[in-house]
PDB file of N, CA and C in Angstrom:
ATOM      1  N   MET A   1      98.318 106.752  52.152  1.00  0.00           N
ATOM      2  CA  MET A   1      99.527 106.927  51.388  1.00  0.00           C
ATOM      3  C   MET A   1      99.202 107.709  50.116  1.00  0.00           C
ATOM      4  N   GLN A   2     100.037 108.672  49.818  1.00  0.00           N
ATOM      5  CA  GLN A   2      99.870 109.456  48.605  1.00  0.00           C
ATOM      6  C   GLN A   2     100.340 108.638  47.406  1.00  0.00           C
ATOM      7  N   THR A   3      99.602 108.688  46.309  1.00  0.00           N
ATOM      8  CA  THR A   3     100.022 107.992  45.095  1.00  0.00           C
ATOM      9  C   THR A   3     100.761 108.960  44.181  1.00  0.00           C
ATOM     10  N   ILE A   4     101.607 108.388  43.327  1.00  0.00           N
ATOM     11  CA  ILE A   4     102.340 109.180  42.343  1.00  0.00           C
ATOM     12  C   ILE A   4     102.154 108.548  40.978  1.00  0.00           C
ATOM     13  N   ASP A   5     102.433 109.308  39.947  1.00  0.00           N
ATOM     14  CA  ASP A   5     102.415 108.777  38.585  1.00  0.00           C
ATOM     15  C   ASP A   5     103.724 108.064  38.312  1.00  0.00           C
ATOM     16  N   PHE A   6     103.708 107.141  37.343  1.00  0.00           N
ATOM     17  CA  PHE A   6     104.913 106.416  36.984  1.00  0.00           C
ATOM     18  C   PHE A   6     106.025 107.366  36.549  1.00  0.00           C
ATOM     19  N   CYS A   7     105.667 108.456  35.893  1.00  0.00           N
ATOM     20  CA  CYS A   7     106.690 109.416  35.448  1.00  0.00           C
ATOM     21  C   CYS A   7     107.405 110.038  36.654  1.00  0.00           C
ATOM     22  N   ASP A   8     106.701 110.187  37.789  1.00  0.00           N
ATOM     23  CA  ASP A   8     107.356 110.685  39.006  1.00  0.00           C
ATOM     24  C   ASP A   8     108.419 109.692  39.478  1.00  0.00           C
ATOM     25  N   PHE A   9     108.078 108.414  39.469  1.00  0.00           N
ATOM     26  CA  PHE A   9     109.032 107.364  39.864  1.00  0.00           C
ATOM     27  C   PHE A   9     110.245 107.366  38.945  1.00  0.00           C
ATOM     28  N   GLN A  10     110.023 107.552  37.661  1.00  0.00           N
ATOM     29  CA  GLN A  10     111.119 107.530  36.692  1.00  0.00           C
ATOM     30  C   GLN A  10     112.115 108.659  36.897  1.00  0.00           C
ATOM     31  N   ARG A  11     111.725 109.711  37.585  1.00  0.00           N
ATOM     32  CA  ARG A  11     112.631 110.834  37.851  1.00  0.00           C
ATOM     33  C   ARG A  11     113.688 110.479  38.899  1.00  0.00           C
ATOM     34  N   ILE A  12     113.449 109.445  39.679  1.00  0.00           N
ATOM     35  CA  ILE A  12     114.407 109.019  40.704  1.00  0.00           C
ATOM     36  C   ILE A  12     115.419 108.082  40.057  1.00  0.00           C
ATOM     37  N   ASP A  13     116.683 108.436  40.139  1.00  0.00           N
ATOM     38  CA  ASP A  13     117.743 107.630  39.541  1.00  0.00           C
ATOM     39  C   ASP A  13     118.257 106.640  40.598  1.00  0.00           C
ATOM     40  N   LEU A  14     117.684 105.448  40.607  1.00  0.00           N
ATOM     41  CA  LEU A  14     118.074 104.394  41.545  1.00  0.00           C
ATOM     42  C   LEU A  14     119.016 103.430  40.843  1.00  0.00           C
ATOM     43  N   ARG A  15     120.220 103.306  41.409  1.00  0.00           N
ATOM     44  CA  ARG A  15     121.239 102.438  40.803  1.00  0.00           C
ATOM     45  C   ARG A  15     121.925 101.617  41.880  1.00  0.00           C
ATOM     46  N   ILE A  16     122.499 100.511  41.432  1.00  0.00           N
ATOM     47  CA  ILE A  16     123.230  99.664  42.369  1.00  0.00           C
ATOM     48  C   ILE A  16     124.726  99.894  42.195  1.00  0.00           C
ATOM     49  N   GLY A  17     125.432  99.836  43.311  1.00  0.00           N
ATOM     50  CA  GLY A  17     126.881  99.996  43.282  1.00  0.00           C
ATOM     51  C   GLY A  17     127.521  99.146  44.368  1.00  0.00           C
ATOM     52  N   THR A  18     128.806  98.967  44.251  1.00  0.00           N
ATOM     53  CA  THR A  18     129.562  98.138  45.188  1.00  0.00           C
ATOM     54  C   THR A  18     130.379  99.018  46.126  1.00  0.00           C
ATOM     55  N   ILE A  19     130.247  98.762  47.411  1.00  0.00           N
ATOM     56  CA  ILE A  19     131.033  99.488  48.409  1.00  0.00           C
ATOM     57  C   ILE A  19     132.492  99.050  48.280  1.00  0.00           C
ATOM     58  N   ILE A  20     133.383 100.024  48.057  1.00  0.00           N
ATOM     59  CA  ILE A  20     134.797  99.699  47.872  1.00  0.00           C
ATOM     60  C   ILE A  20     135.683 100.213  49.011  1.00  0.00           C
ATOM     61  N   LYS A  21     135.158 101.136  49.814  1.00  0.00           N
ATOM     62  CA  LYS A  21     135.939 101.692  50.922  1.00  0.00           C
ATOM     63  C   LYS A  21     134.980 102.147  52.012  1.00  0.00           C
ATOM     64  N   VAL A  22     135.376 101.931  53.274  1.00  0.00           N
ATOM     65  CA  VAL A  22     134.558 102.326  54.422  1.00  0.00           C
ATOM     66  C   VAL A  22     135.472 102.926  55.480  1.00  0.00           C
ATOM     67  N   GLU A  23     135.042 104.035  56.064  1.00  0.00           N
ATOM     68  CA  GLU A  23     135.749 104.640  57.198  1.00  0.00           C
ATOM     69  C   GLU A  23     134.736 105.026  58.262  1.00  0.00           C
ATOM     70  N   ASN A  24     135.147 104.979  59.520  1.00  0.00           N
ATOM     71  CA  ASN A  24     134.316 105.519  60.589  1.00  0.00           C
ATOM     72  C   ASN A  24     134.195 107.026  60.374  1.00  0.00           C
ATOM     73  N   PHE A  25     133.011 107.562  60.588  1.00  0.00           N
ATOM     74  CA  PHE A  25     132.768 108.994  60.404  1.00  0.00           C
ATOM     75  C   PHE A  25     132.767 109.631  61.787  1.00  0.00           C
ATOM     76  N   GLU A  26     133.944 109.982  62.244  1.00  0.00           N
ATOM     77  CA  GLU A  26     134.144 110.494  63.597  1.00  0.00           C
ATOM     78  C   GLU A  26     133.412 111.813  63.850  1.00  0.00           C
ATOM     79  N   LYS A  27     133.276 112.663  62.837  1.00  0.00           N
ATOM     80  CA  LYS A  27     132.685 113.988  63.046  1.00  0.00           C
ATOM     81  C   LYS A  27     131.162 114.016  62.885  1.00  0.00           C
ATOM     82  N   ALA A  28     130.563 112.895  62.527  1.00  0.00           N
ATOM     83  CA  ALA A  28     129.105 112.846  62.396  1.00  0.00           C
ATOM     84  C   ALA A  28     128.459 112.967  63.772  1.00  0.00           C
ATOM     85  N   LEU A  29     127.297 113.609  63.832  1.00  0.00           N
ATOM     86  CA  LEU A  29     126.585 113.758  65.107  1.00  0.00           C
ATOM     87  C   LEU A  29     126.087 112.428  65.643  1.00  0.00           C
ATOM     88  N   LYS A  30     125.621 111.552  64.737  1.00  0.00           N
ATOM     89  CA  LYS A  30     125.177 110.207  65.100  1.00  0.00           C
ATOM     90  C   LYS A  30     126.172 109.215  64.509  1.00  0.00           C
ATOM     91  N   PRO A  31     126.368 108.062  65.142  1.00  0.00           N
ATOM     92  CA  PRO A  31     127.338 107.081  64.608  1.00  0.00           C
ATOM     93  C   PRO A  31     127.056 106.765  63.140  1.00  0.00           C
ATOM     94  N   ALA A  32     128.100 106.857  62.324  1.00  0.00           N
ATOM     95  CA  ALA A  32     127.945 106.649  60.883  1.00  0.00           C
ATOM     96  C   ALA A  32     129.268 106.202  60.277  1.00  0.00           C
ATOM     97  N   TYR A  33     129.168 105.725  59.056  1.00  0.00           N
ATOM     98  CA  TYR A  33     130.338 105.396  58.244  1.00  0.00           C
ATOM     99  C   TYR A  33     130.373 106.308  57.033  1.00  0.00           C
ATOM    100  N   LYS A  34     131.581 106.561  56.529  1.00  0.00           N
ATOM    101  CA  LYS A  34     131.776 107.156  55.215  1.00  0.00           C
ATOM    102  C   LYS A  34     131.930 105.978  54.253  1.00  0.00           C
ATOM    103  N   LEU A  35     131.162 105.998  53.176  1.00  0.00           N
ATOM    104  CA  LEU A  35     131.223 104.929  52.185  1.00  0.00           C
ATOM    105  C   LEU A  35     131.673 105.483  50.843  1.00  0.00           C
ATOM    106  N   TRP A  36     132.471 104.722  50.128  1.00  0.00           N
ATOM    107  CA  TRP A  36     132.815 105.002  48.742  1.00  0.00           C
ATOM    108  C   TRP A  36     132.218 103.862  47.932  1.00  0.00           C
ATOM    109  N   ILE A  37     131.388 104.210  46.946  1.00  0.00           N
ATOM    110  CA  ILE A  37     130.597 103.229  46.216  1.00  0.00           C
ATOM    111  C   ILE A  37     130.906 103.328  44.729  1.00  0.00           C
ATOM    112  N   ASP A  38     131.300 102.203  44.117  1.00  0.00           N
ATOM    113  CA  ASP A  38     131.563 102.140  42.685  1.00  0.00           C
ATOM    114  C   ASP A  38     130.226 101.999  41.963  1.00  0.00           C
ATOM    115  N   LEU A  39     129.852 103.045  41.227  1.00  0.00           N
ATOM    116  CA  LEU A  39     128.589 103.060  40.496  1.00  0.00           C
ATOM    117  C   LEU A  39     128.807 102.959  38.990  1.00  0.00           C
ATOM    118  N   GLY A  40     129.808 102.183  38.591  1.00  0.00           N
ATOM    119  CA  GLY A  40     130.043 101.924  37.173  1.00  0.00           C
ATOM    120  C   GLY A  40     130.307 103.192  36.399  1.00  0.00           C
ATOM    121  N   GLU A  41     129.490 103.445  35.376  1.00  0.00           N
ATOM    122  CA  GLU A  41     129.697 104.597  34.489  1.00  0.00           C
ATOM    123  C   GLU A  41     129.598 105.931  35.217  1.00  0.00           C
ATOM    124  N   LEU A  42     128.961 105.962  36.390  1.00  0.00           N
ATOM    125  CA  LEU A  42     128.867 107.209  37.178  1.00  0.00           C
ATOM    126  C   LEU A  42     130.132 107.450  38.008  1.00  0.00           C
ATOM    127  N   GLY A  43     131.003 106.470  38.067  1.00  0.00           N
ATOM    128  CA  GLY A  43     132.229 106.586  38.851  1.00  0.00           C
ATOM    129  C   GLY A  43     132.014 106.223  40.309  1.00  0.00           C
ATOM    130  N   VAL A  44     132.972 106.577  41.124  1.00  0.00           N
ATOM    131  CA  VAL A  44     132.903 106.311  42.561  1.00  0.00           C
ATOM    132  C   VAL A  44     132.254 107.510  43.228  1.00  0.00           C
ATOM    133  N   ARG A  45     131.223 107.259  44.000  1.00  0.00           N
ATOM    134  CA  ARG A  45     130.498 108.306  44.716  1.00  0.00           C
ATOM    135  C   ARG A  45     130.564 108.038  46.208  1.00  0.00           C
ATOM    136  N   LYS A  46     130.477 109.106  46.994  1.00  0.00           N
ATOM    137  CA  LYS A  46     130.574 109.014  48.451  1.00  0.00           C
ATOM    138  C   LYS A  46     129.192 109.126  49.086  1.00  0.00           C
ATOM    139  N   SER A  47     129.070 108.486  50.258  1.00  0.00           N
ATOM    140  CA  SER A  47     127.834 108.580  51.024  1.00  0.00           C
ATOM    141  C   SER A  47     128.149 108.441  52.501  1.00  0.00           C
ATOM    142  N   SER A  48     127.359 109.104  53.320  1.00  0.00           N
ATOM    143  CA  SER A  48     127.408 108.913  54.765  1.00  0.00           C
ATOM    144  C   SER A  48     126.215 108.044  55.126  1.00  0.00           C
ATOM    145  N   ALA A  49     126.450 107.016  55.937  1.00  0.00           N
ATOM    146  CA  ALA A  49     125.364 106.093  56.265  1.00  0.00           C
ATOM    147  C   ALA A  49     125.385 105.742  57.748  1.00  0.00           C
ATOM    148  N   GLN A  50     124.239 105.889  58.385  1.00  0.00           N
ATOM    149  CA  GLN A  50     124.081 105.540  59.802  1.00  0.00           C
ATOM    150  C   GLN A  50     123.690 104.071  59.905  1.00  0.00           C
ATOM    151  N   ILE A  51     124.670 103.212  59.647  1.00  0.00           N
ATOM    152  CA  ILE A  51     124.434 101.766  59.604  1.00  0.00           C
ATOM    153  C   ILE A  51     125.347 101.003  60.555  1.00  0.00           C
ATOM    154  N   THR A  52     125.862 101.701  61.555  1.00  0.00           N
ATOM    155  CA  THR A  52     126.871 101.101  62.443  1.00  0.00           C
ATOM    156  C   THR A  52     126.303 100.030  63.366  1.00  0.00           C
ATOM    157  N   VAL A  53     125.003 100.024  63.600  1.00  0.00           N
ATOM    158  CA  VAL A  53     124.409  99.031  64.507  1.00  0.00           C
ATOM    159  C   VAL A  53     124.484  97.632  63.914  1.00  0.00           C
ATOM    160  N   ASN A  54     124.185  97.511  62.620  1.00  0.00           N
ATOM    161  CA  ASN A  54     124.098  96.186  62.002  1.00  0.00           C
ATOM    162  C   ASN A  54     125.286  95.796  61.134  1.00  0.00           C
ATOM    163  N   TYR A  55     126.257  96.697  60.946  1.00  0.00           N
ATOM    164  CA  TYR A  55     127.359  96.407  60.025  1.00  0.00           C
ATOM    165  C   TYR A  55     128.699  96.836  60.600  1.00  0.00           C
ATOM    166  N   LEU A  56     129.713  96.012  60.367  1.00  0.00           N
ATOM    167  CA  LEU A  56     131.102  96.367  60.656  1.00  0.00           C
ATOM    168  C   LEU A  56     131.754  96.801  59.346  1.00  0.00           C
ATOM    169  N   PRO A  57     132.665  97.757  59.409  1.00  0.00           N
ATOM    170  CA  PRO A  57     133.283  98.256  58.167  1.00  0.00           C
ATOM    171  C   PRO A  57     133.867  97.147  57.286  1.00  0.00           C
ATOM    172  N   GLU A  58     134.574  96.207  57.882  1.00  0.00           N
ATOM    173  CA  GLU A  58     135.224  95.153  57.090  1.00  0.00           C
ATOM    174  C   GLU A  58     134.223  94.230  56.399  1.00  0.00           C
ATOM    175  N   ASN A  59     132.999  94.158  56.892  1.00  0.00           N
ATOM    176  CA  ASN A  59     131.986  93.306  56.268  1.00  0.00           C
ATOM    177  C   ASN A  59     131.216  94.021  55.156  1.00  0.00           C
ATOM    178  N   LEU A  60     131.431  95.309  55.005  1.00  0.00           N
ATOM    179  CA  LEU A  60     130.716  96.075  53.982  1.00  0.00           C
ATOM    180  C   LEU A  60     131.440  96.100  52.634  1.00  0.00           C
ATOM    181  N   ILE A  61     132.741  95.858  52.641  1.00  0.00           N
ATOM    182  CA  ILE A  61     133.505  95.884  51.394  1.00  0.00           C
ATOM    183  C   ILE A  61     132.979  94.784  50.471  1.00  0.00           C
ATOM    184  N   GLY A  62     132.638  95.171  49.245  1.00  0.00           N
ATOM    185  CA  GLY A  62     132.132  94.220  48.258  1.00  0.00           C
ATOM    186  C   GLY A  62     130.623  94.061  48.254  1.00  0.00           C
ATOM    187  N   VAL A  63     129.927  94.696  49.196  1.00  0.00           N
ATOM    188  CA  VAL A  63     128.468  94.609  49.238  1.00  0.00           C
ATOM    189  C   VAL A  63     127.872  95.558  48.203  1.00  0.00           C
ATOM    190  N   GLN A  64     126.913  95.055  47.436  1.00  0.00           N
ATOM    191  CA  GLN A  64     126.204  95.913  46.494  1.00  0.00           C
ATOM    192  C   GLN A  64     125.008  96.532  47.194  1.00  0.00           C
ATOM    193  N   VAL A  65     124.824  97.847  46.997  1.00  0.00           N
ATOM    194  CA  VAL A  65     123.749  98.592  47.655  1.00  0.00           C
ATOM    195  C   VAL A  65     122.992  99.420  46.629  1.00  0.00           C
ATOM    196  N   LEU A  66     121.708  99.637  46.918  1.00  0.00           N
ATOM    197  CA  LEU A  66     120.860 100.446  46.061  1.00  0.00           C
ATOM    198  C   LEU A  66     120.962 101.900  46.504  1.00  0.00           C
ATOM    199  N   CYS A  67     121.253 102.788  45.552  1.00  0.00           N
ATOM    200  CA  CYS A  67     121.493 104.199  45.860  1.00  0.00           C
ATOM    201  C   CYS A  67     120.586 105.110  45.040  1.00  0.00           C
ATOM    202  N   VAL A  68     120.168 106.213  45.655  1.00  0.00           N
ATOM    203  CA  VAL A  68     119.527 107.300  44.919  1.00  0.00           C
ATOM    204  C   VAL A  68     120.669 108.193  44.446  1.00  0.00           C
ATOM    205  N   CYS A  69     120.795 108.329  43.134  1.00  0.00           N
ATOM    206  CA  CYS A  69     121.970 109.000  42.576  1.00  0.00           C
ATOM    207  C   CYS A  69     121.714 110.422  42.099  1.00  0.00           C
ATOM    208  N   ASN A  70     120.471 110.888  42.143  1.00  0.00           N
ATOM    209  CA  ASN A  70     120.232 112.236  41.627  1.00  0.00           C
ATOM    210  C   ASN A  70     119.705 113.213  42.673  1.00  0.00           C
ATOM    211  N   PHE A  71     120.017 112.977  43.941  1.00  0.00           N
ATOM    212  CA  PHE A  71     119.810 114.012  44.953  1.00  0.00           C
ATOM    213  C   PHE A  71     120.964 115.002  44.857  1.00  0.00           C
ATOM    214  N   LYS A  72     120.725 116.224  45.290  1.00  0.00           N
ATOM    215  CA  LYS A  72     121.815 117.188  45.374  1.00  0.00           C
ATOM    216  C   LYS A  72     122.806 116.714  46.433  1.00  0.00           C
ATOM    217  N   PRO A  73     124.115 116.928  46.210  1.00  0.00           N
ATOM    218  CA  PRO A  73     125.086 116.577  47.246  1.00  0.00           C
ATOM    219  C   PRO A  73     124.755 117.298  48.556  1.00  0.00           C
ATOM    220  N   LYS A  74     125.037 116.631  49.660  1.00  0.00           N
ATOM    221  CA  LYS A  74     124.718 117.189  50.975  1.00  0.00           C
ATOM    222  C   LYS A  74     125.969 117.155  51.844  1.00  0.00           C
ATOM    223  N   GLN A  75     126.284 118.303  52.450  1.00  0.00           N
ATOM    224  CA  GLN A  75     127.427 118.352  53.353  1.00  0.00           C
ATOM    225  C   GLN A  75     126.997 117.879  54.731  1.00  0.00           C
ATOM    226  N   ILE A  76     127.726 116.897  55.246  1.00  0.00           N
ATOM    227  CA  ILE A  76     127.503 116.370  56.587  1.00  0.00           C
ATOM    228  C   ILE A  76     128.838 116.512  57.313  1.00  0.00           C
ATOM    229  N   ALA A  77     128.877 117.427  58.275  1.00  0.00           N
ATOM    230  CA  ALA A  77     130.140 117.787  58.952  1.00  0.00           C
ATOM    231  C   ALA A  77     131.155 118.187  57.876  1.00  0.00           C
ATOM    232  N   ASN A  78     132.295 117.510  57.810  1.00  0.00           N
ATOM    233  CA  ASN A  78     133.345 117.858  56.849  1.00  0.00           C
ATOM    234  C   ASN A  78     133.357 116.944  55.625  1.00  0.00           C
ATOM    235  N   PHE A  79     132.213 116.314  55.316  1.00  0.00           N
ATOM    236  CA  PHE A  79     132.124 115.296  54.267  1.00  0.00           C
ATOM    237  C   PHE A  79     130.956 115.636  53.340  1.00  0.00           C
ATOM    238  N   ILE A  80     131.156 115.469  52.038  1.00  0.00           N
ATOM    239  CA  ILE A  80     130.083 115.685  51.070  1.00  0.00           C
ATOM    240  C   ILE A  80     129.515 114.326  50.671  1.00  0.00           C
ATOM    241  N   SER A  81     128.228 114.116  50.993  1.00  0.00           N
ATOM    242  CA  SER A  81     127.531 112.893  50.615  1.00  0.00           C
ATOM    243  C   SER A  81     126.908 113.117  49.238  1.00  0.00           C
ATOM    244  N   GLU A  82     127.288 112.271  48.273  1.00  0.00           N
ATOM    245  CA  GLU A  82     126.877 112.468  46.880  1.00  0.00           C
ATOM    246  C   GLU A  82     125.703 111.596  46.460  1.00  0.00           C
ATOM    247  N   VAL A  83     125.479 110.496  47.165  1.00  0.00           N
ATOM    248  CA  VAL A  83     124.354 109.604  46.885  1.00  0.00           C
ATOM    249  C   VAL A  83     123.721 109.193  48.210  1.00  0.00           C
ATOM    250  N   LEU A  84     122.466 108.773  48.136  1.00  0.00           N
ATOM    251  CA  LEU A  84     121.766 108.269  49.309  1.00  0.00           C
ATOM    252  C   LEU A  84     121.717 106.757  49.222  1.00  0.00           C
ATOM    253  N   VAL A  85     122.308 106.088  50.196  1.00  0.00           N
ATOM    254  CA  VAL A  85     122.232 104.633  50.288  1.00  0.00           C
ATOM    255  C   VAL A  85     120.883 104.300  50.925  1.00  0.00           C
ATOM    256  N   THR A  86     120.150 103.381  50.309  1.00  0.00           N
ATOM    257  CA  THR A  86     118.804 103.073  50.791  1.00  0.00           C
ATOM    258  C   THR A  86     118.801 101.866  51.731  1.00  0.00           C
ATOM    259  N   GLY A  87     117.771 101.808  52.554  1.00  0.00           N
ATOM    260  CA  GLY A  87     117.635 100.685  53.476  1.00  0.00           C
ATOM    261  C   GLY A  87     116.285 100.695  54.156  1.00  0.00           C
ATOM    262  N   PHE A  88     116.100  99.715  55.018  1.00  0.00           N
ATOM    263  CA  PHE A  88     114.858  99.534  55.762  1.00  0.00           C
ATOM    264  C   PHE A  88     115.172  99.514  57.243  1.00  0.00           C
ATOM    265  N   LYS A  89     114.248  99.987  58.069  1.00  0.00           N
ATOM    266  CA  LYS A  89     114.430  99.895  59.520  1.00  0.00           C
ATOM    267  C   LYS A  89     114.091  98.486  59.979  1.00  0.00           C
ATOM    268  N   ASP A  90     114.952  97.943  60.846  1.00  0.00           N
ATOM    269  CA  ASP A  90     114.644  96.649  61.448  1.00  0.00           C
ATOM    270  C   ASP A  90     113.707  96.848  62.636  1.00  0.00           C
ATOM    271  N   GLN A  91     113.442  95.789  63.387  1.00  0.00           N
ATOM    272  CA  GLN A  91     112.496  95.857  64.502  1.00  0.00           C
ATOM    273  C   GLN A  91     112.940  96.833  65.594  1.00  0.00           C
ATOM    274  N   ASN A  92     114.218  97.184  65.626  1.00  0.00           N
ATOM    275  CA  ASN A  92     114.738  98.120  66.627  1.00  0.00           C
ATOM    276  C   ASN A  92     114.982  99.518  66.059  1.00  0.00           C
ATOM    277  N   GLY A  93     114.666  99.715  64.792  1.00  0.00           N
ATOM    278  CA  GLY A  93     114.847 101.017  64.172  1.00  0.00           C
ATOM    279  C   GLY A  93     116.199 101.233  63.515  1.00  0.00           C
ATOM    280  N   ALA A  94     117.075 100.223  63.552  1.00  0.00           N
ATOM    281  CA  ALA A  94     118.386 100.324  62.903  1.00  0.00           C
ATOM    282  C   ALA A  94     118.239  99.954  61.421  1.00  0.00           C
ATOM    283  N   ILE A  95     119.097 100.512  60.589  1.00  0.00           N
ATOM    284  CA  ILE A  95     118.978 100.343  59.141  1.00  0.00           C
ATOM    285  C   ILE A  95     119.600  99.043  58.641  1.00  0.00           C
ATOM    286  N   ILE A  96     118.844  98.367  57.764  1.00  0.00           N
ATOM    287  CA  ILE A  96     119.311  97.210  56.994  1.00  0.00           C
ATOM    288  C   ILE A  96     119.398  97.680  55.545  1.00  0.00           C
ATOM    289  N   LEU A  97     120.541  97.516  54.923  1.00  0.00           N
ATOM    290  CA  LEU A  97     120.766  98.012  53.570  1.00  0.00           C
ATOM    291  C   LEU A  97     119.899  97.314  52.528  1.00  0.00           C
ATOM    292  N   SER A  98     119.498  98.077  51.498  1.00  0.00           N
ATOM    293  CA  SER A  98     118.822  97.513  50.328  1.00  0.00           C
ATOM    294  C   SER A  98     119.906  96.962  49.407  1.00  0.00           C
ATOM    295  N   THR A  99     119.820  95.681  49.111  1.00  0.00           N
ATOM    296  CA  THR A  99     120.825  95.013  48.285  1.00  0.00           C
ATOM    297  C   THR A  99     120.124  94.178  47.210  1.00  0.00           C
ATOM    298  N   SER A 100     120.915  93.482  46.427  1.00  0.00           N
ATOM    299  CA  SER A 100     120.405  92.557  45.422  1.00  0.00           C
ATOM    300  C   SER A 100     120.792  91.146  45.841  1.00  0.00           C
ATOM    301  N   ASP A 101     119.932  90.183  45.558  1.00  0.00           N
ATOM    302  CA  ASP A 101     120.271  88.805  45.920  1.00  0.00           C
ATOM    303  C   ASP A 101     121.235  88.164  44.926  1.00  0.00           C
ATOM    304  N   LYS A 102     121.475  88.828  43.801  1.00  0.00           N
ATOM    305  CA  LYS A 102     122.451  88.373  42.809  1.00  0.00           C
ATOM    306  C   LYS A 102     123.326  89.569  42.419  1.00  0.00           C
ATOM    307  N   ILE A 103     124.552  89.284  41.993  1.00  0.00           N
ATOM    308  CA  ILE A 103     125.462  90.347  41.576  1.00  0.00           C
ATOM    309  C   ILE A 103     124.999  90.880  40.213  1.00  0.00           C
ATOM    310  N   VAL A 104     124.926  92.191  40.113  1.00  0.00           N
ATOM    311  CA  VAL A 104     124.575  92.861  38.861  1.00  0.00           C
ATOM    312  C   VAL A 104     125.652  93.898  38.554  1.00  0.00           C
ATOM    313  N   PRO A 105     125.733  94.367  37.319  1.00  0.00           N
ATOM    314  CA  PRO A 105     126.774  95.343  36.985  1.00  0.00           C
ATOM    315  C   PRO A 105     126.620  96.634  37.800  1.00  0.00           C
ATOM    316  N   ASN A 106     127.738  97.161  38.275  1.00  0.00           N
ATOM    317  CA  ASN A 106     127.714  98.433  38.975  1.00  0.00           C
ATOM    318  C   ASN A 106     127.130  99.508  38.068  1.00  0.00           C
ATOM    319  N   GLY A 107     126.259 100.324  38.634  1.00  0.00           N
ATOM    320  CA  GLY A 107     125.620 101.392  37.884  1.00  0.00           C
ATOM    321  C   GLY A 107     124.308 100.966  37.232  1.00  0.00           C
ATOM    322  N   ALA A 108     123.936  99.677  37.353  1.00  0.00           N
ATOM    323  CA  ALA A 108     122.669  99.235  36.772  1.00  0.00           C
ATOM    324  C   ALA A 108     121.511  99.979  37.430  1.00  0.00           C
ATOM    325  N   LYS A 109     120.544 100.390  36.607  1.00  0.00           N
ATOM    326  CA  LYS A 109     119.395 101.152  37.089  1.00  0.00           C
ATOM    327  C   LYS A 109     118.291 100.200  37.555  1.00  0.00           C
ATOM    328  N   LEU A 110     117.565 100.639  38.572  1.00  0.00           N
ATOM    329  CA  LEU A 110     116.389  99.910  39.041  1.00  0.00           C
ATOM    330  C   LEU A 110     115.223 100.241  38.125  1.00  0.00           C
ATOM    331  N   PHE A 111     114.548  99.201  37.666  1.00  0.00           N
ATOM    332  CA  PHE A 111     113.367  99.376  36.811  1.00  0.00           C
ATOM    333  C   PHE A 111     112.174  98.744  37.457  1.00  0.00           C
TER     334      PHE A 111
END
């Protein structure tokens, strides 16, 4: 594994936000959802997430997720993804979202 300096880590803007809206992403090549995430002072940001194996849209509303907020926006089909929602692969390779075990303010930075 390559090591990095702490200053490299500090360049990544990792923040937590609450999912406020979810839609099926019909035009995505792989099954995905469109997410709208309240990131506090950063406002509501959009993301495309391939999390359909482990999550139903109605169960995602109100979930806090850890997001990378300083990637360049990326166009996926007809949708602009503004943040990257983070997660881990489960034993089958499907994504499990990175969350917090306690509620924290939207937009709080990871330290």
